[in-house]
Amino acid sequence: MHDQDMSLVLSEGDVLVGFSRMSIAMLITNPRLEDNPIIYVNDAFERTTGYARSAVIGRNCRFLQGERTDKRDVDQIRTAVKEAREASVDILNYRADGTPFQNRLILTPIKNEAGEAIYFLGIQKELRPGDRASENQIEHTHLNLIRSRVEKDLSLMLAGLQKLRSTDTEEILHEAKALPRRLECLQLVYEEMKLADRRVNDGFIDLGSLLSRISNGIAFHDGRAGIRFNQFIEPIHVNLETATRIALSMCEVVTNAFRHAFEGLQQGYVELRVTQLAAGGLRIMISDDGVGLPAGAEFPSDKTLGGQLIKQLLDGLDATINVARGAAGTVVMIDVPVGFTDQ
């Protein structure tokens, strides 16, 4: 499947919906398609600009420009895209109803392993009259921190999709449909990060709260009648990097249990258990009483992006994963050697 074909898969209106609740406007464009069209905007973008998602997907961002937009600002953005580099510009844009607003745009390329820009991430914030210079500087720093975090996380997932160009169409479609779930998981991490900023020990995430929210969301969206779900999660606080990797790993494993463990069965049971280990670190156990893994099957598998993602995330934590096959179902045990903070 060609890169353009895969990009069109990502352009479907319901594919990239993970960051919908962020207060900061966000968009993603694809410079490999003609005229670098938008392939995703979040709800904050719709609220800020007045344009519906369906009205902007597939279009270049220039529709936000108007009569009084400074050409020098436009040229700065155009040059950054052409040279595949970051840019920050305060530009006059126009809403769908024609009213102008001052827009702070931070643009950054999402690159593949070869250093090629495969997407551009745009973070936007409306600048209001009367904002003080000191507040603007703080806001700019805050936007850059968000940009850096989102860029890193998106690079991990979007660049992974590029590796599937040589595989069949079914696999590409499967991974494209899995992307919203991964983005939603990241959204929950960012929400916990925002909450952590208000506490004394900044930077430490309530992992128990985060994993509980993620797993409940998966159970709601992927569960069905007859499938029970229980979770036992101790209150644990870890740093942001650790929380992100653990959250994405657990998301993949729990989703896999709900989607594949009970094929042909009317009833079933999934359990998530997260505990601190006496010797240090934590243990995550995801178990089910379903059909079990097929004989000879590997989990996580190097043949799927999900499997590759799990391995990459856990390698970054020096974590171990063990999979046990029982008479009924599967038990996945992940041990993570992390330190904690008292809250």
Protein backbone atom coordinates (compact mmCIF):
# COMPACT_ATOMS: atom_id res chain seq x y z
CA MET A 1 0.00 0.00 0.00
CA HIS A 2 1.44 3.40 -0.99
CA ASP A 3 2.09 6.19 1.48
CA GLN A 4 -0.68 8.29 -0.06
CA ASP A 5 -3.17 5.44 0.33
CA MET A 6 -2.27 5.06 3.99
CA SER A 7 -2.57 8.81 4.51
CA LEU A 8 -6.08 8.73 3.12
CA VAL A 9 -6.94 6.10 5.71
CA LEU A 10 -5.77 8.53 8.39
CA SER A 11 -7.88 11.29 6.84
CA GLU A 12 -11.17 9.63 7.77
CA GLY A 13 -13.13 11.97 10.02
CA ASP A 14 -13.55 9.47 12.84
CA VAL A 15 -9.99 8.12 12.95
CA LEU A 16 -8.02 10.78 14.84
CA VAL A 17 -10.24 11.76 17.74
CA GLY A 18 -8.00 11.17 20.72
CA PHE A 19 -7.22 14.72 21.86
CA SER A 20 -10.78 16.02 21.61
CA ARG A 21 -11.03 17.38 25.14
CA MET A 22 -7.77 19.36 25.23
CA SER A 23 -8.25 23.09 25.89
CA ILE A 24 -5.39 23.87 23.50
CA ALA A 25 -6.29 23.80 19.79
CA MET A 26 -4.38 21.16 17.88
CA LEU A 27 -4.12 20.07 14.26
CA ILE A 28 -2.07 17.55 12.28
CA THR A 29 -1.23 17.91 8.58
CA ASN A 30 0.36 15.55 6.06
CA PRO A 31 3.10 17.20 3.94
CA ARG A 32 3.37 14.09 1.75
CA LEU A 33 -0.05 14.77 0.28
CA GLU A 34 -0.61 17.55 -2.23
CA ASP A 35 -0.91 20.98 -0.56
CA ASN A 36 -0.13 19.62 2.94
CA PRO A 37 -3.79 19.09 3.98
CA ILE A 38 -5.18 18.84 7.50
CA ILE A 39 -5.85 15.24 8.55
CA TYR A 40 -6.94 15.95 12.14
CA VAL A 41 -8.23 18.74 14.37
CA ASN A 42 -9.45 18.48 17.95
CA ASP A 43 -12.57 19.96 19.52
CA ALA A 44 -10.65 22.97 20.82
CA PHE A 45 -9.75 23.86 17.24
CA GLU A 46 -13.43 23.75 16.30
CA ARG A 47 -14.36 25.94 19.27
CA THR A 48 -11.62 28.48 18.57
CA THR A 49 -12.09 28.83 14.82
CA GLY A 50 -15.79 28.05 14.45
CA TYR A 51 -15.01 25.55 11.67
CA ALA A 52 -16.42 22.03 11.95
CA ARG A 53 -14.01 19.13 11.61
CA SER A 54 -15.81 17.95 8.47
CA ALA A 55 -15.23 21.35 6.87
CA VAL A 56 -11.45 21.41 7.34
CA ILE A 57 -10.22 17.83 6.88
CA GLY A 58 -8.41 17.62 3.53
CA ARG A 59 -7.82 21.38 3.26
CA ASN A 60 -4.67 23.45 3.67
CA CYS A 61 -4.64 25.75 6.72
CA ARG A 62 -4.65 28.89 4.58
CA PHE A 63 -8.45 29.18 4.88
CA LEU A 64 -7.74 30.74 8.31
CA GLN A 65 -6.00 33.67 6.64
CA GLY A 66 -7.77 36.87 5.64
CA GLU A 67 -7.44 40.39 4.35
CA ARG A 68 -5.26 41.71 7.19
CA THR A 69 -3.12 38.61 7.71
CA ASP A 70 0.55 39.63 7.50
CA LYS A 71 2.23 37.97 4.50
CA ARG A 72 5.50 37.82 6.44
CA ASP A 73 3.88 35.52 9.02
CA VAL A 74 2.51 33.32 6.24
CA ASP A 75 5.93 33.14 4.60
CA GLN A 76 7.50 32.12 7.93
CA ILE A 77 5.10 29.18 8.22
CA ARG A 78 5.55 28.19 4.57
CA THR A 79 9.34 28.22 4.91
CA ALA A 80 9.23 26.09 8.07
CA VAL A 81 7.11 23.46 6.30
CA LYS A 82 9.38 23.49 3.24
CA GLU A 83 12.50 23.10 5.38
CA ALA A 84 10.83 20.63 7.81
CA ARG A 85 11.72 22.64 10.92
CA GLU A 86 9.95 24.12 13.93
CA ALA A 87 8.39 27.58 13.88
CA SER A 88 6.56 29.86 16.29
CA VAL A 89 4.51 32.78 15.03
CA ASP A 90 1.73 35.08 16.23
CA ILE A 91 -0.54 35.40 13.21
CA LEU A 92 -3.85 37.12 12.55
CA ASN A 93 -6.44 34.49 11.60
CA TYR A 94 -10.16 34.59 10.91
CA ARG A 95 -12.98 32.50 12.33
CA ALA A 96 -15.65 30.88 10.22
CA ASP A 97 -17.95 33.88 10.85
CA GLY A 98 -15.29 36.29 9.58
CA THR A 99 -14.17 37.74 12.92
CA PRO A 100 -10.39 38.12 13.30
CA PHE A 101 -8.35 36.79 16.23
CA GLN A 102 -4.67 36.76 17.11
CA ASN A 103 -3.40 33.19 16.99
CA ARG A 104 -0.17 31.94 18.55
CA LEU A 105 0.93 28.98 16.42
CA ILE A 106 3.72 26.57 17.35
CA LEU A 107 4.51 24.25 14.45
CA THR A 108 6.75 21.19 14.63
CA PRO A 109 7.51 18.31 12.22
CA ILE A 110 6.89 14.70 13.19
CA LYS A 111 9.77 12.80 11.60
CA ASN A 112 10.40 9.15 10.77
CA GLU A 113 13.59 7.23 11.45
CA ALA A 114 15.13 8.63 8.26
CA GLY A 115 14.61 12.17 9.50
CA GLU A 116 11.86 12.92 6.96
CA ALA A 117 8.83 14.98 8.01
CA ILE A 118 5.84 12.65 7.73
CA TYR A 119 3.39 14.92 9.59
CA PHE A 120 3.27 18.42 11.04
CA LEU A 121 1.82 19.11 14.47
CA GLY A 122 0.31 22.53 15.10
CA ILE A 123 -0.46 23.80 18.61
CA GLN A 124 -2.63 26.95 18.66
CA LYS A 125 -3.69 29.39 21.37
CA GLU A 126 -5.81 32.50 20.95
CA LEU A 127 -4.13 35.67 22.26
CA ARG A 128 -6.68 38.05 23.75
CA PRO A 129 -6.45 41.87 23.95
CA GLY A 130 -5.14 43.02 27.32
CA ASP A 131 -2.92 39.98 27.92
CA ARG A 132 0.26 41.20 29.61
CA ALA A 133 3.67 40.50 28.11
CA SER A 134 4.70 38.45 31.15
CA GLU A 135 1.57 36.29 30.82
CA ASN A 136 2.25 35.83 27.12
CA GLN A 137 5.77 34.61 27.86
CA ILE A 138 4.50 32.11 30.43
CA GLU A 139 1.83 30.95 27.96
CA HIS A 140 4.44 30.53 25.22
CA THR A 141 6.61 28.41 27.52
CA HIS A 142 3.59 26.32 28.47
CA LEU A 143 2.68 25.75 24.81
CA ASN A 144 6.23 24.66 24.06
CA LEU A 145 6.12 22.13 26.90
CA ILE A 146 2.86 20.71 25.52
CA ARG A 147 4.31 20.66 22.02
CA SER A 148 7.41 18.80 23.17
CA ARG A 149 5.39 16.18 25.05
CA VAL A 150 2.84 15.60 22.29
CA GLU A 151 5.53 15.53 19.60
CA LYS A 152 7.41 12.79 21.41
CA ASP A 153 4.32 10.65 21.98
CA LEU A 154 2.89 11.13 18.51
CA SER A 155 6.25 10.31 16.92
CA LEU A 156 6.18 6.92 18.60
CA MET A 157 2.78 6.01 17.14
CA LEU A 158 2.51 7.86 13.84
CA ALA A 159 6.00 6.90 12.73
CA GLY A 160 5.08 3.31 13.55
CA LEU A 161 2.26 3.45 11.01
CA GLN A 162 4.80 4.31 8.33
CA LYS A 163 6.48 0.95 8.93
CA LEU A 164 3.31 -0.79 7.77
CA ARG A 165 3.53 0.52 4.20
CA SER A 166 4.72 -2.84 2.91
CA THR A 167 2.04 -4.87 4.68
CA ASP A 168 -1.45 -5.64 3.46
CA THR A 169 -4.40 -3.27 3.46
CA GLU A 170 -6.22 -5.13 6.25
CA GLU A 171 -3.32 -4.63 8.66
CA ILE A 172 -3.07 -0.92 7.79
CA LEU A 173 -6.79 -0.44 8.41
CA HIS A 174 -6.58 -2.37 11.69
CA GLU A 175 -3.76 -0.18 13.01
CA ALA A 176 -5.40 3.03 11.80
CA LYS A 177 -8.54 2.11 13.72
CA ALA A 178 -6.44 1.42 16.83
CA LEU A 179 -4.94 4.90 16.76
CA PRO A 180 -7.88 6.74 18.41
CA ARG A 181 -7.64 4.44 21.43
CA ARG A 182 -3.94 5.18 21.80
CA LEU A 183 -4.54 8.90 21.43
CA GLU A 184 -7.32 8.77 24.02
CA CYS A 185 -4.91 7.03 26.38
CA LEU A 186 -2.41 9.85 25.90
CA GLN A 187 -5.17 12.38 26.52
CA LEU A 188 -5.83 10.84 29.94
CA VAL A 189 -2.10 10.96 30.72
CA TYR A 190 -2.07 14.67 29.92
CA GLU A 191 -5.09 15.27 32.13
CA GLU A 192 -3.32 13.59 35.04
CA MET A 193 -0.21 15.64 34.22
CA LYS A 194 -2.26 18.84 34.46
CA LEU A 195 -3.62 17.73 37.83
CA ALA A 196 -0.12 16.88 39.05
CA ASP A 197 1.02 20.41 38.27
CA ARG A 198 -1.35 21.67 40.97
CA ARG A 199 0.15 19.46 43.67
CA VAL A 200 3.26 20.03 45.76
CA ASN A 201 5.25 17.23 44.12
CA ASP A 202 5.01 18.43 40.54
CA GLY A 203 5.66 15.93 37.78
CA PHE A 204 4.43 12.80 39.57
CA ILE A 205 1.36 11.12 38.13
CA ASP A 206 -1.27 9.22 40.13
CA LEU A 207 -0.80 5.98 38.22
CA GLY A 208 -3.64 4.23 40.04
CA SER A 209 -6.15 6.88 38.97
CA LEU A 210 -4.79 6.94 35.43
CA LEU A 211 -4.90 3.17 34.87
CA SER A 212 -8.35 2.95 36.43
CA ARG A 213 -9.75 5.55 34.03
CA ILE A 214 -8.10 3.96 31.00
CA SER A 215 -9.23 0.42 31.82
CA ASN A 216 -12.80 1.51 32.60
CA GLY A 217 -12.93 3.30 29.27
CA ILE A 218 -11.74 0.19 27.44
CA ALA A 219 -14.28 -1.97 29.27
CA PHE A 220 -17.05 0.45 28.31
CA HIS A 221 -16.13 0.68 24.62
CA ASP A 222 -14.92 -2.88 23.98
CA GLY A 223 -16.90 -4.87 26.53
CA ARG A 224 -20.20 -6.58 25.84
CA ALA A 225 -23.00 -8.32 27.69
CA GLY A 226 -21.74 -11.31 29.65
CA ILE A 227 -18.16 -10.07 30.01
CA ARG A 228 -17.33 -8.97 33.57
CA PHE A 229 -14.47 -6.67 34.49
CA ASN A 230 -12.82 -6.10 37.86
CA GLN A 231 -9.79 -4.06 38.81
CA PHE A 232 -7.66 -3.88 41.94
CA ILE A 233 -5.20 -0.97 41.70
CA GLU A 234 -3.08 0.35 44.54
CA PRO A 235 -2.42 4.12 44.78
CA ILE A 236 0.97 4.59 43.14
CA HIS A 237 2.73 7.79 42.00
CA VAL A 238 5.39 7.74 39.27
CA ASN A 239 7.02 10.27 36.97
CA LEU A 240 5.44 11.33 33.68
CA GLU A 241 7.65 9.26 31.38
CA THR A 242 7.02 6.09 33.38
CA ALA A 243 3.28 6.78 33.57
CA THR A 244 3.04 7.28 29.80
CA ARG A 245 4.84 4.05 28.97
CA ILE A 246 2.93 1.98 31.52
CA ALA A 247 -0.41 3.44 30.46
CA LEU A 248 0.12 2.77 26.75
CA SER A 249 1.37 -0.77 27.44
CA MET A 250 -1.56 -1.63 29.69
CA CYS A 251 -3.98 -0.12 27.17
CA GLU A 252 -2.73 -2.48 24.47
CA VAL A 253 -2.93 -5.60 26.67
CA VAL A 254 -6.36 -4.90 28.19
CA THR A 255 -7.83 -4.01 24.80
CA ASN A 256 -6.45 -7.23 23.34
CA ALA A 257 -8.13 -9.23 26.14
CA PHE A 258 -11.56 -7.68 25.54
CA ARG A 259 -11.38 -7.96 21.76
CA HIS A 260 -9.91 -11.43 21.32
CA ALA A 261 -10.18 -13.52 24.49
CA PHE A 262 -13.87 -14.40 24.21
CA GLU A 263 -14.41 -15.22 20.56
CA GLY A 264 -17.32 -17.65 20.39
CA LEU A 265 -18.04 -17.35 24.13
CA GLN A 266 -21.12 -15.79 25.72
CA GLN A 267 -19.55 -15.05 29.09
CA GLY A 268 -16.14 -14.18 30.42
CA TYR A 269 -14.07 -12.39 33.02
CA VAL A 270 -11.22 -9.87 32.76
CA GLU A 271 -9.22 -8.68 35.75
CA LEU A 272 -6.62 -5.94 36.09
CA ARG A 273 -4.44 -5.96 39.20
CA VAL A 274 -1.68 -3.42 39.93
CA THR A 275 0.39 -3.79 43.10
CA GLN A 276 3.65 -2.55 44.57
CA LEU A 277 6.28 -5.26 45.07
CA ALA A 278 7.97 -5.70 48.42
CA ALA A 279 11.38 -5.69 46.74
CA GLY A 280 10.57 -2.51 44.83
CA GLY A 281 8.83 -1.76 41.59
CA LEU A 282 5.31 -2.71 40.60
CA ARG A 283 3.48 -5.64 39.04
CA ILE A 284 0.67 -5.37 36.52
CA MET A 285 -1.43 -8.49 35.90
CA ILE A 286 -4.11 -8.73 33.21
CA SER A 287 -5.94 -12.04 33.28
CA ASP A 288 -8.97 -13.54 31.53
CA ASP A 289 -10.81 -16.85 31.41
CA GLY A 290 -11.31 -16.84 27.65
CA VAL A 291 -10.17 -19.07 24.80
CA GLY A 292 -6.48 -18.54 25.45
CA LEU A 293 -3.69 -17.87 22.99
CA PRO A 294 -3.48 -20.20 19.98
CA ALA A 295 -0.79 -22.88 20.20
CA GLY A 296 2.56 -21.45 19.14
CA ALA A 297 1.29 -17.85 19.16
CA GLU A 298 3.67 -15.17 20.44
CA PHE A 299 2.51 -12.31 22.63
CA PRO A 300 3.41 -9.56 22.18
CA SER A 301 4.02 -10.26 18.51
CA ASP A 302 6.68 -8.57 16.41
CA LYS A 303 4.34 -8.93 13.42
CA THR A 304 1.91 -6.24 14.62
CA LEU A 305 2.39 -2.58 15.45
CA GLY A 306 0.64 -3.16 18.78
CA GLY A 307 3.10 -5.88 19.69
CA GLN A 308 6.06 -3.80 18.59
CA LEU A 309 4.73 -0.87 20.57
CA ILE A 310 4.40 -2.93 23.76
CA LYS A 311 7.97 -4.22 23.45
CA GLN A 312 9.39 -0.79 22.73
CA LEU A 313 7.54 0.78 25.65
CA LEU A 314 8.57 -1.93 28.11
CA ASP A 315 12.18 -1.94 26.92
CA GLY A 316 12.30 1.75 27.79
CA LEU A 317 11.28 0.85 31.35
CA ASP A 318 13.61 -2.16 31.70
CA ALA A 319 10.38 -4.07 32.39
CA THR A 320 9.74 -7.77 31.92
CA ILE A 321 6.63 -9.38 30.48
CA ASN A 322 5.56 -12.99 31.02
CA VAL A 323 2.57 -14.72 29.48
CA ALA A 324 1.02 -17.83 31.04
CA ARG A 325 -1.51 -20.08 29.30
CA GLY A 326 -3.93 -21.86 31.57
CA ALA A 327 -6.67 -24.42 31.07
CA ALA A 328 -8.84 -21.42 30.36
CA GLY A 329 -7.63 -18.00 29.43
CA THR A 330 -4.39 -16.07 29.60
CA VAL A 331 -2.43 -14.24 32.28
CA VAL A 332 -0.10 -11.41 31.28
CA MET A 333 2.29 -10.27 34.01
CA ILE A 334 4.41 -7.13 33.64
CA ASP A 335 7.02 -6.21 36.27
CA VAL A 336 8.32 -2.65 36.20
CA PRO A 337 11.39 -1.70 38.33
CA VAL A 338 10.36 1.89 39.12
CA GLY A 339 10.70 4.11 42.18
CA PHE A 340 7.74 5.80 43.81
CA THR A 341 7.00 8.99 45.63
CA ASP A 342 4.90 9.34 48.76
CA GLN A 343 1.82 11.51 48.25
